Amino acid sequence: MTEPLRLSFEVDGTADHAFRVWTERISQWWPTDHTVSAEPGLRVVVEPRAGGRIFERTPAGAEHEWGAVTVWEPPSRLVYQWHLNADRSDATEVEVTFADDGPRTRVDIEHRGWERLGTRGPGRRDANQAGWSGLLPHYVAFVNTEQEHTA
């Protein structure tokens, strides 16, 4: 069995704020070099419900599917099937939890399901570990500098 990737860190603000930035404002912090098209001005969409799609939409309207939401529990938990730059049949699973911890929020990520890829699993896990390392600083910086918006 290939071990899941587990990442934990804290960000400023409430779990609600951290969850909303991850899901509703993802286009503002997700780097273009971590997308399918790498087109300037693309939009990343997380449809807010179980069964919702995760995809990028280019300025010309082309869509590239990245995954599908399987659990939608704002503001504490999000789980999705993930196949960015891979076939849907090779999807892994990402679970992100958000827990208030005083004025900060603890974010825990577990990226799992590598064993379903057979011998390709360990290499894909390593590539995704590098991907998370390059991606998460953008999220943390954005959450920590953006003001919380109340409804």
Protein backbone atom coordinates (compact mmCIF):
# COMPACT_ATOMS: atom_id res chain seq x y z
CA MET A 1 0.00 0.00 0.00
CA THR A 2 1.24 3.48 -0.86
CA GLU A 3 0.83 5.81 2.10
CA PRO A 4 -1.45 8.84 1.73
CA LEU A 5 0.08 12.29 1.60
CA ARG A 6 -0.76 14.15 4.80
CA LEU A 7 -0.25 17.89 5.13
CA SER A 8 -1.17 20.18 8.04
CA PHE A 9 -0.77 23.91 8.51
CA GLU A 10 -2.52 26.93 9.99
CA VAL A 11 -3.92 30.04 8.36
CA ASP A 12 -5.33 33.28 9.75
CA GLY A 13 -9.05 33.66 10.30
CA THR A 14 -12.00 31.34 10.76
CA ALA A 15 -12.66 27.95 9.22
CA ASP A 16 -15.47 29.54 7.23
CA HIS A 17 -13.03 32.03 5.70
CA ALA A 18 -10.44 29.32 4.92
CA PHE A 19 -13.11 27.05 3.36
CA ARG A 20 -14.52 29.87 1.22
CA VAL A 21 -11.07 30.86 -0.05
CA TRP A 22 -10.35 27.21 -0.95
CA THR A 23 -13.63 26.77 -2.81
CA GLU A 24 -15.12 30.11 -3.88
CA ARG A 25 -11.97 32.15 -4.45
CA ILE A 26 -9.72 29.41 -5.81
CA SER A 27 -9.16 31.29 -9.08
CA GLN A 28 -7.53 34.10 -7.16
CA TRP A 29 -4.79 31.99 -5.57
CA TRP A 30 -4.39 28.88 -7.76
CA PRO A 31 -1.26 29.35 -9.92
CA THR A 32 -1.72 29.09 -13.67
CA ASP A 33 1.25 26.72 -13.97
CA HIS A 34 -0.75 24.15 -11.95
CA THR A 35 -3.55 23.97 -14.57
CA VAL A 36 -4.23 22.06 -17.78
CA SER A 37 -4.22 24.98 -20.21
CA ALA A 38 -1.94 27.43 -18.32
CA GLU A 39 -3.88 30.23 -20.04
CA PRO A 40 -3.84 33.67 -18.44
CA GLY A 41 -7.30 34.69 -17.25
CA LEU A 42 -8.64 31.16 -16.79
CA ARG A 43 -11.17 30.53 -14.04
CA VAL A 44 -11.13 27.57 -11.64
CA VAL A 45 -14.57 26.42 -10.49
CA VAL A 46 -15.56 24.20 -7.56
CA GLU A 47 -19.29 23.56 -7.83
CA PRO A 48 -20.60 23.85 -4.24
CA ARG A 49 -22.28 20.49 -3.67
CA ALA A 50 -21.65 16.76 -3.54
CA GLY A 51 -21.53 15.70 -7.18
CA GLY A 52 -20.26 19.13 -8.23
CA ARG A 53 -17.49 19.38 -10.77
CA ILE A 54 -14.04 20.88 -10.29
CA PHE A 55 -12.76 22.34 -13.55
CA GLU A 56 -10.96 25.17 -15.25
CA ARG A 57 -12.60 27.38 -17.84
CA THR A 58 -10.41 29.31 -20.27
CA PRO A 59 -11.28 32.83 -21.43
CA ALA A 60 -12.45 31.27 -24.74
CA GLY A 61 -14.87 29.00 -22.81
CA ALA A 62 -13.01 25.68 -23.09
CA GLU A 63 -13.43 23.53 -19.96
CA HIS A 64 -10.94 21.04 -18.54
CA GLU A 65 -12.27 18.77 -15.82
CA TRP A 66 -10.08 18.23 -12.75
CA GLY A 67 -12.32 16.23 -10.45
CA ALA A 68 -15.64 15.91 -8.64
CA VAL A 69 -16.82 16.85 -5.16
CA THR A 70 -17.92 13.80 -3.15
CA VAL A 71 -18.45 15.42 0.29
CA TRP A 72 -19.49 19.06 0.81
CA GLU A 73 -19.68 20.04 4.49
CA PRO A 74 -18.92 23.77 4.79
CA PRO A 75 -17.05 25.10 6.61
CA SER A 76 -15.37 22.02 8.05
CA ARG A 77 -14.83 19.39 5.35
CA LEU A 78 -14.44 18.91 1.62
CA VAL A 79 -13.64 15.64 -0.19
CA TYR A 80 -13.14 15.25 -3.89
CA GLN A 81 -11.97 12.86 -6.57
CA TRP A 82 -8.89 14.39 -8.22
CA HIS A 83 -7.56 13.78 -11.73
CA LEU A 84 -5.91 17.03 -12.85
CA ASN A 85 -3.86 16.22 -15.97
CA ALA A 86 -4.91 12.56 -15.75
CA ASP A 87 -7.73 10.37 -16.96
CA ARG A 88 -10.83 10.29 -14.76
CA SER A 89 -10.28 6.55 -14.25
CA ASP A 90 -6.98 7.41 -12.51
CA ALA A 91 -8.59 9.72 -9.95
CA THR A 92 -7.23 9.83 -6.43
CA GLU A 93 -9.07 11.27 -3.43
CA VAL A 94 -8.36 14.49 -1.55
CA GLU A 95 -9.90 15.29 1.84
CA VAL A 96 -9.47 18.79 3.27
CA THR A 97 -10.65 19.66 6.78
CA PHE A 98 -10.80 23.11 8.36
CA ALA A 99 -10.91 23.47 12.17
CA ASP A 100 -11.10 26.74 14.10
CA ASP A 101 -8.20 27.10 16.52
CA GLY A 102 -8.65 30.48 18.19
CA PRO A 103 -7.97 33.28 15.74
CA ARG A 104 -6.49 30.78 13.26
CA THR A 105 -7.69 27.72 11.40
CA ARG A 106 -5.93 24.38 11.15
CA VAL A 107 -6.08 22.90 7.65
CA ASP A 108 -5.44 19.17 7.24
CA ILE A 109 -5.14 17.54 3.84
CA GLU A 110 -5.06 13.83 3.13
CA HIS A 111 -4.43 12.85 -0.48
CA ARG A 112 -4.99 9.11 -0.89
CA GLY A 113 -5.88 6.32 -3.27
CA TRP A 114 -2.48 5.79 -4.86
CA GLU A 115 -2.79 2.00 -4.68
CA ARG A 116 -5.54 2.02 -7.31
CA LEU A 117 -2.91 3.22 -9.81
CA GLY A 118 -0.85 0.04 -9.39
CA THR A 119 2.83 0.44 -10.17
CA ARG A 120 2.24 4.09 -11.22
CA GLY A 121 1.00 4.97 -7.71
CA PRO A 122 4.31 5.76 -5.97
CA GLY A 123 5.50 8.00 -8.83
CA ARG A 124 2.18 9.86 -8.97
CA ARG A 125 2.32 10.29 -5.19
CA ASP A 126 5.81 11.80 -5.41
CA ALA A 127 4.74 14.14 -8.22
CA ASN A 128 1.71 15.26 -6.22
CA GLN A 129 3.82 15.86 -3.13
CA ALA A 130 5.92 18.26 -5.19
CA GLY A 131 2.72 19.78 -6.59
CA TRP A 132 1.28 20.44 -3.12
CA SER A 133 4.60 21.99 -2.05
CA GLY A 134 4.38 24.45 -4.90
CA LEU A 135 0.66 25.13 -4.53
CA LEU A 136 0.00 25.56 -0.81
CA PRO A 137 2.19 28.65 -0.25
CA HIS A 138 -0.12 30.51 -2.67
CA TYR A 139 -3.20 29.48 -0.68
CA VAL A 140 -1.65 30.34 2.70
CA ALA A 141 -0.46 33.76 1.50
CA PHE A 142 -3.85 34.57 -0.01
CA VAL A 143 -5.84 33.48 3.07
CA ASN A 144 -3.51 35.36 5.41
CA THR A 145 -3.69 38.65 3.46
CA GLU A 146 -7.37 38.69 2.52
CA GLN A 147 -9.95 40.13 4.86
CA GLU A 148 -12.77 37.89 5.95
CA HIS A 149 -16.04 38.74 4.26
CA THR A 150 -19.23 38.14 6.16
CA ALA A 151 -22.47 37.49 4.38
